[in-house]
Amino acid sequence: MSLKQRITDDMKTAMRAGATKQRDTIRLLQAAIKQREVDERIVLDDTTIIAVIDKMIKQRKDSIAQYEAAQRFDLAENEKEEITILSTYMPAALTGAEIEAYVTEAIAASGASGMQAMGKVMAMLKPRIAGRADMAEVSALIKAKLSD
């Protein structure tokens, strides 16, 4: 079953169960997917849908930081609930050792030897680990390995 179909099925289930928070979050997700499809005039595949979900999760993390700084813990809690629901559609996260193995492999495959080759290494890694690892952490790891 495709990810898009799973999202649609979960929407129906949430509507039947009266789970308003889940229903509303899935509606936001479906709207974001549809918007991207209309904007780019394509049908999104699972990989691209994961990128959309990842972007939505990042937006909510930023919102949580801002809400907590403003002492609006009720709104921060709302965003955390949405992250929990959205995270169910993400693939299993990679461990630190797995990420390091991917980075080492990509550096070896690209023949990168300095910081100027960082973009090349990131380009090789991104399709393989997108949605399964925090790309900021991956970037920091690449920088550390290339600066050695």
N, C-alpha and C. Protein backbone atom coordinates (compact mmCIF):
# COMPACT_ATOMS: atom_id res chain seq x y z
N MET A 1 0.84 -1.17 0.00
CA MET A 1 0.00 0.00 0.00
C MET A 1 0.89 1.25 0.00
N SER A 2 0.55 2.20 -0.85
CA SER A 2 1.34 3.43 -0.90
C SER A 2 1.09 4.27 0.34
N LEU A 3 2.01 5.15 0.62
CA LEU A 3 1.91 6.03 1.78
C LEU A 3 0.69 6.94 1.65
N LYS A 4 0.43 7.40 0.44
CA LYS A 4 -0.72 8.27 0.21
C LYS A 4 -2.03 7.54 0.53
N GLN A 5 -2.12 6.29 0.14
CA GLN A 5 -3.31 5.49 0.43
C GLN A 5 -3.45 5.25 1.93
N ARG A 6 -2.32 4.99 2.59
CA ARG A 6 -2.33 4.77 4.04
C ARG A 6 -2.84 6.02 4.77
N ILE A 7 -2.40 7.19 4.31
CA ILE A 7 -2.85 8.45 4.91
C ILE A 7 -4.36 8.60 4.73
N THR A 8 -4.85 8.30 3.53
CA THR A 8 -6.29 8.39 3.26
C THR A 8 -7.07 7.42 4.13
N ASP A 9 -6.58 6.20 4.27
CA ASP A 9 -7.25 5.20 5.11
C ASP A 9 -7.27 5.63 6.58
N ASP A 10 -6.15 6.20 7.04
CA ASP A 10 -6.08 6.68 8.42
C ASP A 10 -7.04 7.84 8.65
N MET A 11 -7.23 8.65 7.62
CA MET A 11 -8.18 9.77 7.71
C MET A 11 -9.59 9.24 7.92
N LYS A 12 -9.95 8.24 7.14
CA LYS A 12 -11.28 7.64 7.26
C LYS A 12 -11.47 7.03 8.64
N THR A 13 -10.45 6.34 9.12
CA THR A 13 -10.52 5.71 10.44
C THR A 13 -10.67 6.76 11.54
N ALA A 14 -9.91 7.83 11.43
CA ALA A 14 -10.00 8.90 12.43
C ALA A 14 -11.37 9.56 12.42
N MET A 15 -11.94 9.72 11.23
CA MET A 15 -13.27 10.32 11.13
C MET A 15 -14.32 9.42 11.76
N ARG A 16 -14.22 8.13 11.52
CA ARG A 16 -15.18 7.19 12.09
C ARG A 16 -15.06 7.12 13.61
N ALA A 17 -13.82 7.20 14.10
CA ALA A 17 -13.57 7.08 15.54
C ALA A 17 -13.83 8.40 16.28
N GLY A 18 -13.98 9.48 15.56
CA GLY A 18 -14.20 10.77 16.19
C GLY A 18 -12.93 11.35 16.79
N ALA A 19 -11.77 10.92 16.28
CA ALA A 19 -10.48 11.42 16.76
C ALA A 19 -10.18 12.74 16.05
N THR A 20 -10.65 13.83 16.64
CA THR A 20 -10.57 15.12 15.95
C THR A 20 -9.14 15.61 15.75
N LYS A 21 -8.27 15.41 16.73
CA LYS A 21 -6.89 15.89 16.59
C LYS A 21 -6.19 15.16 15.45
N GLN A 22 -6.36 13.84 15.41
CA GLN A 22 -5.74 13.06 14.35
C GLN A 22 -6.34 13.43 12.99
N ARG A 23 -7.64 13.56 12.94
CA ARG A 23 -8.32 13.94 11.70
C ARG A 23 -7.82 15.28 11.18
N ASP A 24 -7.73 16.27 12.06
CA ASP A 24 -7.30 17.60 11.64
C ASP A 24 -5.85 17.61 11.17
N THR A 25 -5.00 16.86 11.86
CA THR A 25 -3.59 16.80 11.47
C THR A 25 -3.44 16.11 10.11
N ILE A 26 -4.18 15.04 9.90
CA ILE A 26 -4.11 14.34 8.61
C ILE A 26 -4.66 15.23 7.50
N ARG A 27 -5.68 16.01 7.80
CA ARG A 27 -6.20 16.95 6.79
C ARG A 27 -5.14 17.97 6.39
N LEU A 28 -4.39 18.46 7.38
CA LEU A 28 -3.29 19.39 7.08
C LEU A 28 -2.25 18.72 6.18
N LEU A 29 -1.94 17.47 6.48
CA LEU A 29 -0.98 16.72 5.69
C LEU A 29 -1.49 16.52 4.26
N GLN A 30 -2.74 16.12 4.13
CA GLN A 30 -3.31 15.92 2.80
C GLN A 30 -3.32 17.24 2.01
N ALA A 31 -3.61 18.34 2.68
CA ALA A 31 -3.61 19.64 2.01
C ALA A 31 -2.21 20.00 1.53
N ALA A 32 -1.19 19.73 2.35
CA ALA A 32 0.19 20.02 1.96
C ALA A 32 0.61 19.16 0.76
N ILE A 33 0.20 17.90 0.76
CA ILE A 33 0.52 17.00 -0.35
C ILE A 33 -0.17 17.49 -1.62
N LYS A 34 -1.45 17.80 -1.51
CA LYS A 34 -2.22 18.26 -2.67
C LYS A 34 -1.66 19.58 -3.21
N GLN A 35 -1.27 20.47 -2.31
CA GLN A 35 -0.70 21.75 -2.74
C GLN A 35 0.57 21.54 -3.54
N ARG A 36 1.41 20.65 -3.07
CA ARG A 36 2.66 20.37 -3.78
C ARG A 36 2.38 19.74 -5.15
N GLU A 37 1.40 18.84 -5.21
CA GLU A 37 1.04 18.21 -6.47
C GLU A 37 0.51 19.24 -7.47
N VAL A 38 -0.31 20.15 -7.00
CA VAL A 38 -0.88 21.18 -7.87
C VAL A 38 0.21 22.15 -8.33
N ASP A 39 1.06 22.56 -7.40
CA ASP A 39 2.12 23.51 -7.73
C ASP A 39 3.08 22.96 -8.77
N GLU A 40 3.45 21.69 -8.61
CA GLU A 40 4.46 21.09 -9.49
C GLU A 40 3.85 20.28 -10.62
N ARG A 41 2.52 20.14 -10.62
CA ARG A 41 1.81 19.38 -11.65
C ARG A 41 2.33 17.95 -11.80
N ILE A 42 2.49 17.31 -10.65
CA ILE A 42 2.95 15.92 -10.61
C ILE A 42 2.13 15.15 -9.58
N VAL A 43 2.27 13.84 -9.59
CA VAL A 43 1.71 13.00 -8.53
C VAL A 43 2.88 12.59 -7.66
N LEU A 44 2.78 12.88 -6.37
CA LEU A 44 3.89 12.61 -5.46
C LEU A 44 4.03 11.12 -5.17
N ASP A 45 5.28 10.67 -5.14
CA ASP A 45 5.55 9.29 -4.74
C ASP A 45 5.86 9.28 -3.23
N ASP A 46 6.09 8.10 -2.69
CA ASP A 46 6.31 7.98 -1.25
C ASP A 46 7.51 8.79 -0.76
N THR A 47 8.58 8.82 -1.52
CA THR A 47 9.77 9.55 -1.13
C THR A 47 9.49 11.05 -1.01
N THR A 48 8.75 11.58 -1.95
CA THR A 48 8.43 13.00 -1.93
C THR A 48 7.43 13.32 -0.82
N ILE A 49 6.52 12.41 -0.56
CA ILE A 49 5.57 12.60 0.53
C ILE A 49 6.31 12.62 1.87
N ILE A 50 7.31 11.78 2.00
CA ILE A 50 8.11 11.77 3.23
C ILE A 50 8.82 13.12 3.39
N ALA A 51 9.29 13.70 2.30
CA ALA A 51 9.92 15.02 2.37
C ALA A 51 8.93 16.08 2.83
N VAL A 52 7.69 15.99 2.37
CA VAL A 52 6.64 16.92 2.79
C VAL A 52 6.39 16.77 4.29
N ILE A 53 6.29 15.53 4.76
CA ILE A 53 6.04 15.27 6.18
C ILE A 53 7.21 15.77 7.01
N ASP A 54 8.43 15.54 6.54
CA ASP A 54 9.63 15.98 7.24
C ASP A 54 9.61 17.50 7.39
N LYS A 55 9.23 18.19 6.34
CA LYS A 55 9.16 19.66 6.39
C LYS A 55 8.11 20.11 7.40
N MET A 56 6.97 19.44 7.43
CA MET A 56 5.91 19.79 8.39
C MET A 56 6.39 19.57 9.83
N ILE A 57 7.13 18.50 10.06
CA ILE A 57 7.64 18.23 11.41
C ILE A 57 8.64 19.31 11.81
N LYS A 58 9.51 19.71 10.90
CA LYS A 58 10.48 20.77 11.20
C LYS A 58 9.76 22.07 11.53
N GLN A 59 8.72 22.40 10.79
CA GLN A 59 7.95 23.62 11.07
C GLN A 59 7.36 23.57 12.47
N ARG A 60 6.85 22.42 12.86
CA ARG A 60 6.26 22.31 14.18
C ARG A 60 7.30 22.39 15.29
N LYS A 61 8.48 21.85 15.04
CA LYS A 61 9.56 21.96 16.04
C LYS A 61 9.96 23.42 16.24
N ASP A 62 10.03 24.17 15.14
CA ASP A 62 10.33 25.60 15.24
C ASP A 62 9.23 26.32 16.02
N SER A 63 7.99 25.96 15.75
CA SER A 63 6.87 26.58 16.46
C SER A 63 6.91 26.27 17.95
N ILE A 64 7.27 25.05 18.30
CA ILE A 64 7.36 24.66 19.71
C ILE A 64 8.37 25.54 20.42
N ALA A 65 9.53 25.73 19.81
CA ALA A 65 10.56 26.57 20.43
C ALA A 65 10.04 28.00 20.64
N GLN A 66 9.34 28.54 19.67
CA GLN A 66 8.82 29.90 19.79
C GLN A 66 7.71 29.98 20.84
N TYR A 67 6.83 28.99 20.86
CA TYR A 67 5.74 28.99 21.84
C TYR A 67 6.28 28.86 23.26
N GLU A 68 7.27 28.00 23.45
CA GLU A 68 7.83 27.82 24.79
C GLU A 68 8.56 29.08 25.24
N ALA A 69 9.22 29.76 24.32
CA ALA A 69 9.89 31.02 24.66
C ALA A 69 8.88 32.09 25.07
N ALA A 70 7.68 32.00 24.50
CA ALA A 70 6.62 32.96 24.81
C ALA A 70 5.72 32.48 25.96
N GLN A 71 6.12 31.38 26.63
CA GLN A 71 5.35 30.82 27.74
C GLN A 71 3.96 30.35 27.32
N ARG A 72 3.79 29.94 26.07
CA ARG A 72 2.51 29.43 25.58
C ARG A 72 2.59 27.90 25.50
N PHE A 73 2.61 27.26 26.63
CA PHE A 73 2.82 25.83 26.70
C PHE A 73 1.63 25.05 26.14
N ASP A 74 0.44 25.64 26.17
CA ASP A 74 -0.74 24.99 25.60
C ASP A 74 -0.58 24.82 24.09
N LEU A 75 -0.09 25.88 23.43
CA LEU A 75 0.12 25.80 21.98
C LEU A 75 1.28 24.87 21.64
N ALA A 76 2.31 24.88 22.47
CA ALA A 76 3.45 23.98 22.25
C ALA A 76 3.00 22.52 22.36
N GLU A 77 2.14 22.23 23.31
CA GLU A 77 1.63 20.87 23.48
C GLU A 77 0.83 20.43 22.25
N ASN A 78 0.07 21.35 21.69
CA ASN A 78 -0.71 21.08 20.47
C ASN A 78 0.24 20.68 19.32
N GLU A 79 1.31 21.43 19.17
CA GLU A 79 2.29 21.13 18.11
C GLU A 79 2.97 19.78 18.35
N LYS A 80 3.25 19.46 19.61
CA LYS A 80 3.87 18.17 19.93
C LYS A 80 2.95 17.01 19.56
N GLU A 81 1.66 17.19 19.78
CA GLU A 81 0.69 16.15 19.39
C GLU A 81 0.69 15.96 17.88
N GLU A 82 0.77 17.05 17.14
CA GLU A 82 0.80 16.96 15.69
C GLU A 82 2.07 16.25 15.22
N ILE A 83 3.20 16.53 15.85
CA ILE A 83 4.46 15.85 15.50
C ILE A 83 4.32 14.35 15.73
N THR A 84 3.70 13.96 16.83
CA THR A 84 3.50 12.54 17.13
C THR A 84 2.68 11.86 16.03
N ILE A 85 1.62 12.52 15.60
CA ILE A 85 0.77 11.95 14.55
C ILE A 85 1.52 11.89 13.22
N LEU A 86 2.21 12.97 12.86
CA LEU A 86 2.95 12.99 11.59
C LEU A 86 4.10 11.98 11.58
N SER A 87 4.71 11.76 12.72
CA SER A 87 5.86 10.85 12.81
C SER A 87 5.48 9.40 12.50
N THR A 88 4.20 9.07 12.62
CA THR A 88 3.79 7.69 12.33
C THR A 88 3.97 7.35 10.85
N TYR A 89 4.05 8.36 10.00
CA TYR A 89 4.20 8.13 8.56
C TYR A 89 5.66 8.17 8.10
N MET A 90 6.56 8.47 9.02
CA MET A 90 7.98 8.54 8.68
C MET A 90 8.60 7.15 8.78
N PRO A 91 9.61 6.88 7.95
CA PRO A 91 10.30 5.58 8.06
C PRO A 91 11.10 5.53 9.36
N ALA A 92 11.51 4.34 9.74
CA ALA A 92 12.26 4.17 10.98
C ALA A 92 13.56 4.98 10.93
N ALA A 93 13.87 5.64 12.02
CA ALA A 93 15.06 6.48 12.09
C ALA A 93 16.32 5.62 12.11
N LEU A 94 17.37 6.16 11.54
CA LEU A 94 18.66 5.47 11.54
C LEU A 94 19.37 5.71 12.87
N THR A 95 20.16 4.75 13.30
CA THR A 95 20.97 4.92 14.51
C THR A 95 22.20 5.74 14.16
N GLY A 96 22.88 6.22 15.17
CA GLY A 96 24.10 7.00 14.96
C GLY A 96 25.15 6.21 14.20
N ALA A 97 25.28 4.92 14.51
CA ALA A 97 26.27 4.08 13.84
C ALA A 97 25.92 3.90 12.36
N GLU A 98 24.63 3.75 12.07
CA GLU A 98 24.20 3.59 10.67
C GLU A 98 24.46 4.87 9.88
N ILE A 99 24.18 6.01 10.49
CA ILE A 99 24.43 7.29 9.81
C ILE A 99 25.91 7.45 9.54
N GLU A 100 26.72 7.14 10.53
CA GLU A 100 28.17 7.26 10.36
C GLU A 100 28.67 6.34 9.25
N ALA A 101 28.11 5.14 9.16
CA ALA A 101 28.50 4.20 8.10
C ALA A 101 28.14 4.76 6.73
N TYR A 102 26.93 5.34 6.60
CA TYR A 102 26.53 5.95 5.33
C TYR A 102 27.45 7.11 4.96
N VAL A 103 27.80 7.94 5.94
CA VAL A 103 28.67 9.09 5.68
C VAL A 103 30.04 8.62 5.24
N THR A 104 30.60 7.66 5.94
CA THR A 104 31.92 7.13 5.59
C THR A 104 31.92 6.54 4.18
N GLU A 105 30.87 5.79 3.87
CA GLU A 105 30.74 5.18 2.55
C GLU A 105 30.64 6.25 1.45
N ALA A 106 29.85 7.29 1.70
CA ALA A 106 29.67 8.35 0.71
C ALA A 106 30.96 9.13 0.49
N ILE A 107 31.70 9.38 1.56
CA ILE A 107 32.98 10.10 1.43
C ILE A 107 33.95 9.26 0.61
N ALA A 108 34.00 7.97 0.87
CA ALA A 108 34.89 7.08 0.13
C ALA A 108 34.47 7.00 -1.34
N ALA A 109 33.18 6.89 -1.60
CA ALA A 109 32.68 6.75 -2.97
C ALA A 109 32.90 8.02 -3.79
N SER A 110 32.80 9.17 -3.13
CA SER A 110 32.95 10.43 -3.86
C SER A 110 34.42 10.85 -3.96
N GLY A 111 35.26 10.25 -3.15
CA GLY A 111 36.67 10.63 -3.16
C GLY A 111 36.88 12.01 -2.55
N ALA A 112 35.96 12.44 -1.69
CA ALA A 112 36.04 13.77 -1.07
C ALA A 112 37.24 13.84 -0.14
N SER A 113 37.94 14.97 -0.19
CA SER A 113 39.11 15.12 0.67
C SER A 113 39.11 16.43 1.43
N GLY A 114 38.21 17.33 1.13
CA GLY A 114 38.19 18.61 1.83
C GLY A 114 36.79 19.16 1.94
N MET A 115 36.67 20.29 2.60
CA MET A 115 35.36 20.90 2.83
C MET A 115 34.66 21.29 1.53
N GLN A 116 35.42 21.57 0.47
CA GLN A 116 34.81 21.96 -0.80
C GLN A 116 34.00 20.82 -1.42
N ALA A 117 34.21 19.60 -0.97
CA ALA A 117 33.49 18.44 -1.51
C ALA A 117 32.27 18.07 -0.67
N MET A 118 31.96 18.90 0.33
CA MET A 118 30.84 18.59 1.22
C MET A 118 29.51 18.50 0.47
N GLY A 119 29.27 19.39 -0.45
CA GLY A 119 28.03 19.38 -1.23
C GLY A 119 27.87 18.10 -2.02
N LYS A 120 28.97 17.62 -2.56
CA LYS A 120 28.94 16.37 -3.33
C LYS A 120 28.57 15.20 -2.44
N VAL A 121 29.11 15.16 -1.24
CA VAL A 121 28.81 14.08 -0.29
C VAL A 121 27.34 14.17 0.14
N MET A 122 26.86 15.38 0.45
CA MET A 122 25.46 15.56 0.86
C MET A 122 24.52 15.14 -0.26
N ALA A 123 24.87 15.45 -1.50
CA ALA A 123 24.03 15.08 -2.64
C ALA A 123 23.92 13.57 -2.78
N MET A 124 25.00 12.87 -2.46
CA MET A 124 24.97 11.41 -2.52
C MET A 124 24.13 10.82 -1.39
N LEU A 125 24.20 11.44 -0.21
CA LEU A 125 23.53 10.90 0.96
C LEU A 125 22.04 11.21 1.03
N LYS A 126 21.67 12.38 0.59
CA LYS A 126 20.30 12.86 0.80
C LYS A 126 19.23 11.89 0.31
N PRO A 127 19.32 11.35 -0.90
CA PRO A 127 18.25 10.44 -1.33
C PRO A 127 18.20 9.14 -0.51
N ARG A 128 19.32 8.76 0.05
CA ARG A 128 19.38 7.49 0.77
C ARG A 128 18.89 7.59 2.21
N ILE A 129 19.07 8.77 2.83
CA ILE A 129 18.73 8.86 4.25
C ILE A 129 17.71 9.94 4.57
N ALA A 130 17.17 10.59 3.57
CA ALA A 130 16.17 11.64 3.81
C ALA A 130 14.97 11.08 4.56
N GLY A 131 14.56 11.78 5.59
CA GLY A 131 13.43 11.35 6.38
C GLY A 131 13.78 10.34 7.44
N ARG A 132 14.97 9.80 7.38
CA ARG A 132 15.39 8.79 8.36
C ARG A 132 16.44 9.32 9.31
N ALA A 133 16.95 10.53 9.03
CA ALA A 133 17.96 11.13 9.88
C ALA A 133 17.84 12.65 9.79
N ASP A 134 18.25 13.33 10.84
CA ASP A 134 18.25 14.79 10.85
C ASP A 134 19.43 15.25 9.99
N MET A 135 19.11 15.94 8.90
CA MET A 135 20.15 16.33 7.95
C MET A 135 21.15 17.32 8.56
N ALA A 136 20.75 18.08 9.58
CA ALA A 136 21.68 18.99 10.25
C ALA A 136 22.76 18.19 10.97
N GLU A 137 22.36 17.10 11.61
CA GLU A 137 23.32 16.24 12.29
C GLU A 137 24.23 15.55 11.28
N VAL A 138 23.67 15.13 10.16
CA VAL A 138 24.46 14.49 9.11
C VAL A 138 25.49 15.49 8.57
N SER A 139 25.05 16.72 8.36
CA SER A 139 25.96 17.76 7.87
C SER A 139 27.11 17.99 8.84
N ALA A 140 26.79 18.05 10.13
CA ALA A 140 27.85 18.25 11.14
C ALA A 140 28.82 17.08 11.14
N LEU A 141 28.32 15.86 10.97
CA LEU A 141 29.17 14.68 10.93
C LEU A 141 30.09 14.71 9.70
N ILE A 142 29.54 15.11 8.56
CA ILE A 142 30.35 15.22 7.33
C ILE A 142 31.46 16.25 7.53
N LYS A 143 31.10 17.40 8.09
CA LYS A 143 32.10 18.45 8.35
C LYS A 143 33.23 17.92 9.24
N ALA A 144 32.86 17.20 10.28
CA ALA A 144 33.85 16.66 11.20
C ALA A 144 34.78 15.68 10.50
N LYS A 145 34.21 14.82 9.66
CA LYS A 145 35.02 13.81 8.97
C LYS A 145 35.91 14.44 7.89
N LEU A 146 35.40 15.45 7.20
CA LEU A 146 36.18 16.08 6.14
C LEU A 146 37.27 16.99 6.68
N SER A 147 37.09 17.50 7.89
CA SER A 147 38.09 18.41 8.45
C SER A 147 39.24 17.65 9.13
N ASP A 148 39.07 16.34 9.30
CA ASP A 148 40.15 15.52 9.91
C ASP A 148 41.36 15.44 9.01
